[in-house]
Amino acid sequence: MTEDRAELIPYLCAKNAAGAMDFYKEAFGAKEMFRLEGKDGTIGHATMEIMGATFYLSDEWPEGNVFSAQTLGGSPVGLHLEVPDADAVFDRAVRAGATSLRPVEDQPYGDRSGVLADPSGHRWFIASHIEDVSTEELEKRMTDYKVTTQG
């Protein structure tokens, strides 16, 4: 980490963090880098990695106001996982227990992507970049949307 660079790491919560970790290993080939487990078997903190992308995970901790998407009835946050082969990763995740919310298909903005929900209630956008699309071309493709850029 350098002084002029930040890193944003998602921190997920699951009702059964150990089970979620097993799912991420099977579905995405995630590697477990660290696990802090309480005497009762709950996960206080785990560090996972998918193809070099780090994320954290824990069990619920009501005393600290940490609740899972299941307890909250969903999550407003989605995770965008860009991989070399979206179709293969998506299919693997569904076989491991994820629910397909939107099948993988070519998108007008240059990705091939689909959306799934993992067994813990988190939404994952699984994507592969397939083409660079200019702002002008994107505006043509998405006539129902206004495209704005900031710099």
C-alpha atoms as a PDB file:
ATOM      1  CA  MET A   1       0.000   0.000   0.000  1.00  0.00           C
ATOM      2  CA  THR A   2       1.372   3.418  -0.940  1.00  0.00           C
ATOM      3  CA  GLU A   3       0.477   6.781   0.571  1.00  0.00           C
ATOM      4  CA  ASP A   4      -1.494   7.871  -2.496  1.00  0.00           C
ATOM      5  CA  ARG A   5      -3.510   4.696  -2.922  1.00  0.00           C
ATOM      6  CA  ALA A   6      -6.433   3.342  -0.912  1.00  0.00           C
ATOM      7  CA  GLU A   7      -7.871  -0.153  -0.869  1.00  0.00           C
ATOM      8  CA  LEU A   8     -11.575  -0.808  -0.393  1.00  0.00           C
ATOM      9  CA  ILE A   9     -12.283  -4.259   1.054  1.00  0.00           C
ATOM     10  CA  PRO A  10     -15.852  -5.573   1.338  1.00  0.00           C
ATOM     11  CA  TYR A  11     -16.721  -6.906   4.795  1.00  0.00           C
ATOM     12  CA  LEU A  12     -19.592  -9.388   4.605  1.00  0.00           C
ATOM     13  CA  CYS A  13     -21.654 -10.839   7.429  1.00  0.00           C
ATOM     14  CA  ALA A  14     -23.419 -14.191   7.351  1.00  0.00           C
ATOM     15  CA  LYS A  15     -25.601 -16.107   9.794  1.00  0.00           C
ATOM     16  CA  ASN A  16     -23.300 -19.077   9.202  1.00  0.00           C
ATOM     17  CA  ALA A  17     -19.939 -17.602   8.240  1.00  0.00           C
ATOM     18  CA  ALA A  18     -18.177 -20.988   8.214  1.00  0.00           C
ATOM     19  CA  GLY A  19     -20.787 -22.297   5.773  1.00  0.00           C
ATOM     20  CA  ALA A  20     -20.471 -19.135   3.679  1.00  0.00           C
ATOM     21  CA  MET A  21     -16.703 -19.630   3.555  1.00  0.00           C
ATOM     22  CA  ASP A  22     -17.223 -23.170   2.290  1.00  0.00           C
ATOM     23  CA  PHE A  23     -19.622 -21.833  -0.365  1.00  0.00           C
ATOM     24  CA  TYR A  24     -17.130 -19.180  -1.543  1.00  0.00           C
ATOM     25  CA  LYS A  25     -14.404 -21.804  -1.785  1.00  0.00           C
ATOM     26  CA  GLU A  26     -16.597 -24.120  -3.877  1.00  0.00           C
ATOM     27  CA  ALA A  27     -18.354 -21.442  -5.951  1.00  0.00           C
ATOM     28  CA  PHE A  28     -15.532 -19.006  -6.643  1.00  0.00           C
ATOM     29  CA  GLY A  29     -12.373 -20.937  -5.806  1.00  0.00           C
ATOM     30  CA  ALA A  30     -11.821 -18.608  -2.845  1.00  0.00           C
ATOM     31  CA  LYS A  31      -8.853 -19.161  -0.580  1.00  0.00           C
ATOM     32  CA  GLU A  32      -9.060 -18.815   3.179  1.00  0.00           C
ATOM     33  CA  MET A  33      -6.215 -16.547   4.277  1.00  0.00           C
ATOM     34  CA  PHE A  34      -7.106 -16.126   7.961  1.00  0.00           C
ATOM     35  CA  ARG A  35      -9.783 -17.241  10.403  1.00  0.00           C
ATOM     36  CA  LEU A  36     -10.427 -16.025  13.953  1.00  0.00           C
ATOM     37  CA  GLU A  37     -12.864 -18.461  15.522  1.00  0.00           C
ATOM     38  CA  GLY A  38     -14.483 -18.161  18.929  1.00  0.00           C
ATOM     39  CA  LYS A  39     -14.741 -21.016  21.414  1.00  0.00           C
ATOM     40  CA  ASP A  40     -18.360 -21.459  20.322  1.00  0.00           C
ATOM     41  CA  GLY A  41     -17.300 -21.884  16.682  1.00  0.00           C
ATOM     42  CA  THR A  42     -18.455 -18.481  15.493  1.00  0.00           C
ATOM     43  CA  ILE A  43     -16.266 -16.586  13.062  1.00  0.00           C
ATOM     44  CA  GLY A  44     -15.190 -13.257  14.529  1.00  0.00           C
ATOM     45  CA  HIS A  45     -13.196 -12.416  11.416  1.00  0.00           C
ATOM     46  CA  ALA A  46     -12.048 -14.222   8.298  1.00  0.00           C
ATOM     47  CA  THR A  47      -9.997 -13.010   5.368  1.00  0.00           C
ATOM     48  CA  MET A  48     -10.805 -14.606   2.014  1.00  0.00           C
ATOM     49  CA  GLU A  49      -9.335 -14.104  -1.432  1.00  0.00           C
ATOM     50  CA  ILE A  50     -10.761 -14.711  -4.910  1.00  0.00           C
ATOM     51  CA  MET A  51      -8.140 -14.507  -7.674  1.00  0.00           C
ATOM     52  CA  GLY A  52      -6.202 -11.903  -5.695  1.00  0.00           C
ATOM     53  CA  ALA A  53      -9.283  -9.897  -4.586  1.00  0.00           C
ATOM     54  CA  THR A  54      -9.615  -9.732  -0.801  1.00  0.00           C
ATOM     55  CA  PHE A  55     -12.806  -9.664   1.237  1.00  0.00           C
ATOM     56  CA  TYR A  56     -13.607 -10.106   4.905  1.00  0.00           C
ATOM     57  CA  LEU A  57     -16.367 -12.117   6.526  1.00  0.00           C
ATOM     58  CA  SER A  58     -17.821 -12.657   9.983  1.00  0.00           C
ATOM     59  CA  ASP A  59     -20.774 -14.166  11.758  1.00  0.00           C
ATOM     60  CA  GLU A  60     -23.454 -11.867  13.134  1.00  0.00           C
ATOM     61  CA  TRP A  61     -22.531  -9.856  16.207  1.00  0.00           C
ATOM     62  CA  PRO A  62     -25.716  -8.167  17.458  1.00  0.00           C
ATOM     63  CA  GLU A  63     -23.895  -6.432  20.319  1.00  0.00           C
ATOM     64  CA  GLY A  64     -21.764  -4.624  17.716  1.00  0.00           C
ATOM     65  CA  ASN A  65     -24.725  -3.940  15.388  1.00  0.00           C
ATOM     66  CA  VAL A  66     -23.359  -6.423  12.816  1.00  0.00           C
ATOM     67  CA  PHE A  67     -26.164  -8.275  11.046  1.00  0.00           C
ATOM     68  CA  SER A  68     -26.366 -10.518   8.008  1.00  0.00           C
ATOM     69  CA  ALA A  69     -28.313  -9.842   4.822  1.00  0.00           C
ATOM     70  CA  GLN A  70     -30.595 -12.725   5.896  1.00  0.00           C
ATOM     71  CA  THR A  71     -31.471 -11.052   9.190  1.00  0.00           C
ATOM     72  CA  LEU A  72     -31.980  -7.681   7.500  1.00  0.00           C
ATOM     73  CA  GLY A  73     -34.085  -9.151   4.677  1.00  0.00           C
ATOM     74  CA  GLY A  74     -31.535  -8.385   1.969  1.00  0.00           C
ATOM     75  CA  SER A  75     -28.680  -6.020   1.308  1.00  0.00           C
ATOM     76  CA  PRO A  76     -28.501  -2.810  -0.723  1.00  0.00           C
ATOM     77  CA  VAL A  77     -24.893  -3.647  -1.600  1.00  0.00           C
ATOM     78  CA  GLY A  78     -23.883  -5.783  -4.564  1.00  0.00           C
ATOM     79  CA  LEU A  79     -20.462  -7.268  -5.193  1.00  0.00           C
ATOM     80  CA  HIS A  80     -19.038  -7.003  -8.711  1.00  0.00           C
ATOM     81  CA  LEU A  81     -16.610  -9.838  -9.421  1.00  0.00           C
ATOM     82  CA  GLU A  82     -14.771  -9.473 -12.724  1.00  0.00           C
ATOM     83  CA  VAL A  83     -13.311 -12.785 -13.882  1.00  0.00           C
ATOM     84  CA  PRO A  84     -11.854 -14.177 -17.115  1.00  0.00           C
ATOM     85  CA  ASP A  85     -14.883 -16.438 -17.788  1.00  0.00           C
ATOM     86  CA  ALA A  86     -18.170 -15.162 -16.331  1.00  0.00           C
ATOM     87  CA  ASP A  87     -20.191 -18.072 -17.703  1.00  0.00           C
ATOM     88  CA  ALA A  88     -18.006 -20.700 -16.030  1.00  0.00           C
ATOM     89  CA  VAL A  89     -17.842 -18.902 -12.664  1.00  0.00           C
ATOM     90  CA  PHE A  90     -21.580 -18.173 -12.692  1.00  0.00           C
ATOM     91  CA  ASP A  91     -22.461 -21.793 -13.504  1.00  0.00           C
ATOM     92  CA  ARG A  92     -20.066 -23.067 -10.828  1.00  0.00           C
ATOM     93  CA  ALA A  93     -21.652 -20.775  -8.236  1.00  0.00           C
ATOM     94  CA  VAL A  94     -25.174 -21.937  -9.130  1.00  0.00           C
ATOM     95  CA  ARG A  95     -24.076 -25.575  -8.835  1.00  0.00           C
ATOM     96  CA  ALA A  96     -22.625 -24.717  -5.403  1.00  0.00           C
ATOM     97  CA  GLY A  97     -25.980 -23.329  -4.204  1.00  0.00           C
ATOM     98  CA  ALA A  98     -26.317 -19.746  -5.495  1.00  0.00           C
ATOM     99  CA  THR A  99     -29.593 -18.560  -6.997  1.00  0.00           C
ATOM    100  CA  SER A 100     -29.554 -17.044 -10.476  1.00  0.00           C
ATOM    101  CA  LEU A 101     -31.224 -13.619 -10.426  1.00  0.00           C
ATOM    102  CA  ARG A 102     -30.275 -12.642 -13.985  1.00  0.00           C
ATOM    103  CA  PRO A 103     -28.561 -15.006 -16.423  1.00  0.00           C
ATOM    104  CA  VAL A 104     -25.186 -14.215 -17.936  1.00  0.00           C
ATOM    105  CA  GLU A 105     -25.523 -12.311 -21.191  1.00  0.00           C
ATOM    106  CA  ASP A 106     -23.733  -9.650 -23.206  1.00  0.00           C
ATOM    107  CA  GLN A 107     -24.367  -6.169 -21.809  1.00  0.00           C
ATOM    108  CA  PRO A 108     -24.434  -2.937 -23.825  1.00  0.00           C
ATOM    109  CA  TYR A 109     -21.631  -1.416 -21.733  1.00  0.00           C
ATOM    110  CA  GLY A 110     -19.080  -4.035 -22.832  1.00  0.00           C
ATOM    111  CA  ASP A 111     -19.305  -6.740 -20.186  1.00  0.00           C
ATOM    112  CA  ARG A 112     -20.770 -10.214 -20.274  1.00  0.00           C
ATOM    113  CA  SER A 113     -22.431 -10.540 -16.896  1.00  0.00           C
ATOM    114  CA  GLY A 114     -25.146 -12.036 -14.757  1.00  0.00           C
ATOM    115  CA  VAL A 115     -26.402 -11.613 -11.213  1.00  0.00           C
ATOM    116  CA  LEU A 116     -26.770 -14.233  -8.515  1.00  0.00           C
ATOM    117  CA  ALA A 117     -27.568 -14.406  -4.826  1.00  0.00           C
ATOM    118  CA  ASP A 118     -25.343 -16.473  -2.591  1.00  0.00           C
ATOM    119  CA  PRO A 119     -26.893 -18.634   0.158  1.00  0.00           C
ATOM    120  CA  SER A 120     -26.165 -15.867   2.701  1.00  0.00           C
ATOM    121  CA  GLY A 121     -28.254 -13.340   0.768  1.00  0.00           C
ATOM    122  CA  HIS A 122     -25.485 -11.305  -0.882  1.00  0.00           C
ATOM    123  CA  ARG A 123     -25.881 -10.268  -4.548  1.00  0.00           C
ATOM    124  CA  TRP A 124     -22.943 -10.924  -6.853  1.00  0.00           C
ATOM    125  CA  PHE A 125     -22.512  -9.452 -10.322  1.00  0.00           C
ATOM    126  CA  ILE A 126     -20.290 -11.941 -12.162  1.00  0.00           C
ATOM    127  CA  ALA A 127     -18.708 -10.277 -15.188  1.00  0.00           C
ATOM    128  CA  SER A 128     -16.101 -10.589 -17.907  1.00  0.00           C
ATOM    129  CA  HIS A 129     -15.066  -7.557 -19.938  1.00  0.00           C
ATOM    130  CA  ILE A 130     -15.602  -8.349 -23.620  1.00  0.00           C
ATOM    131  CA  GLU A 131     -15.258  -4.989 -25.393  1.00  0.00           C
ATOM    132  CA  ASP A 132     -14.390  -1.347 -24.810  1.00  0.00           C
ATOM    133  CA  VAL A 133     -17.393   0.870 -25.509  1.00  0.00           C
ATOM    134  CA  SER A 134     -17.086   4.626 -26.066  1.00  0.00           C
ATOM    135  CA  THR A 135     -19.481   6.996 -24.331  1.00  0.00           C
ATOM    136  CA  GLU A 136     -21.025   7.827 -27.700  1.00  0.00           C
ATOM    137  CA  GLU A 137     -21.609   4.148 -28.539  1.00  0.00           C
ATOM    138  CA  LEU A 138     -22.999   3.485 -25.070  1.00  0.00           C
ATOM    139  CA  GLU A 139     -25.467   6.349 -25.507  1.00  0.00           C
ATOM    140  CA  LYS A 140     -26.658   4.755 -28.773  1.00  0.00           C
ATOM    141  CA  ARG A 141     -27.029   1.345 -27.161  1.00  0.00           C
ATOM    142  CA  MET A 142     -28.823   2.602 -24.078  1.00  0.00           C
ATOM    143  CA  THR A 143     -31.359   5.041 -25.474  1.00  0.00           C
ATOM    144  CA  ASP A 144     -33.465   4.829 -22.308  1.00  0.00           C
ATOM    145  CA  TYR A 145     -30.642   6.050 -20.066  1.00  0.00           C
ATOM    146  CA  LYS A 146     -28.632   9.234 -19.835  1.00  0.00           C
ATOM    147  CA  VAL A 147     -24.898   8.566 -19.618  1.00  0.00           C
ATOM    148  CA  THR A 148     -22.799  11.041 -17.648  1.00  0.00           C
ATOM    149  CA  THR A 149     -19.113  10.993 -16.853  1.00  0.00           C
ATOM    150  CA  GLN A 150     -17.194  12.854 -14.187  1.00  0.00           C
ATOM    151  CA  GLY A 151     -13.514  13.501 -14.165  1.00  0.00           C
END
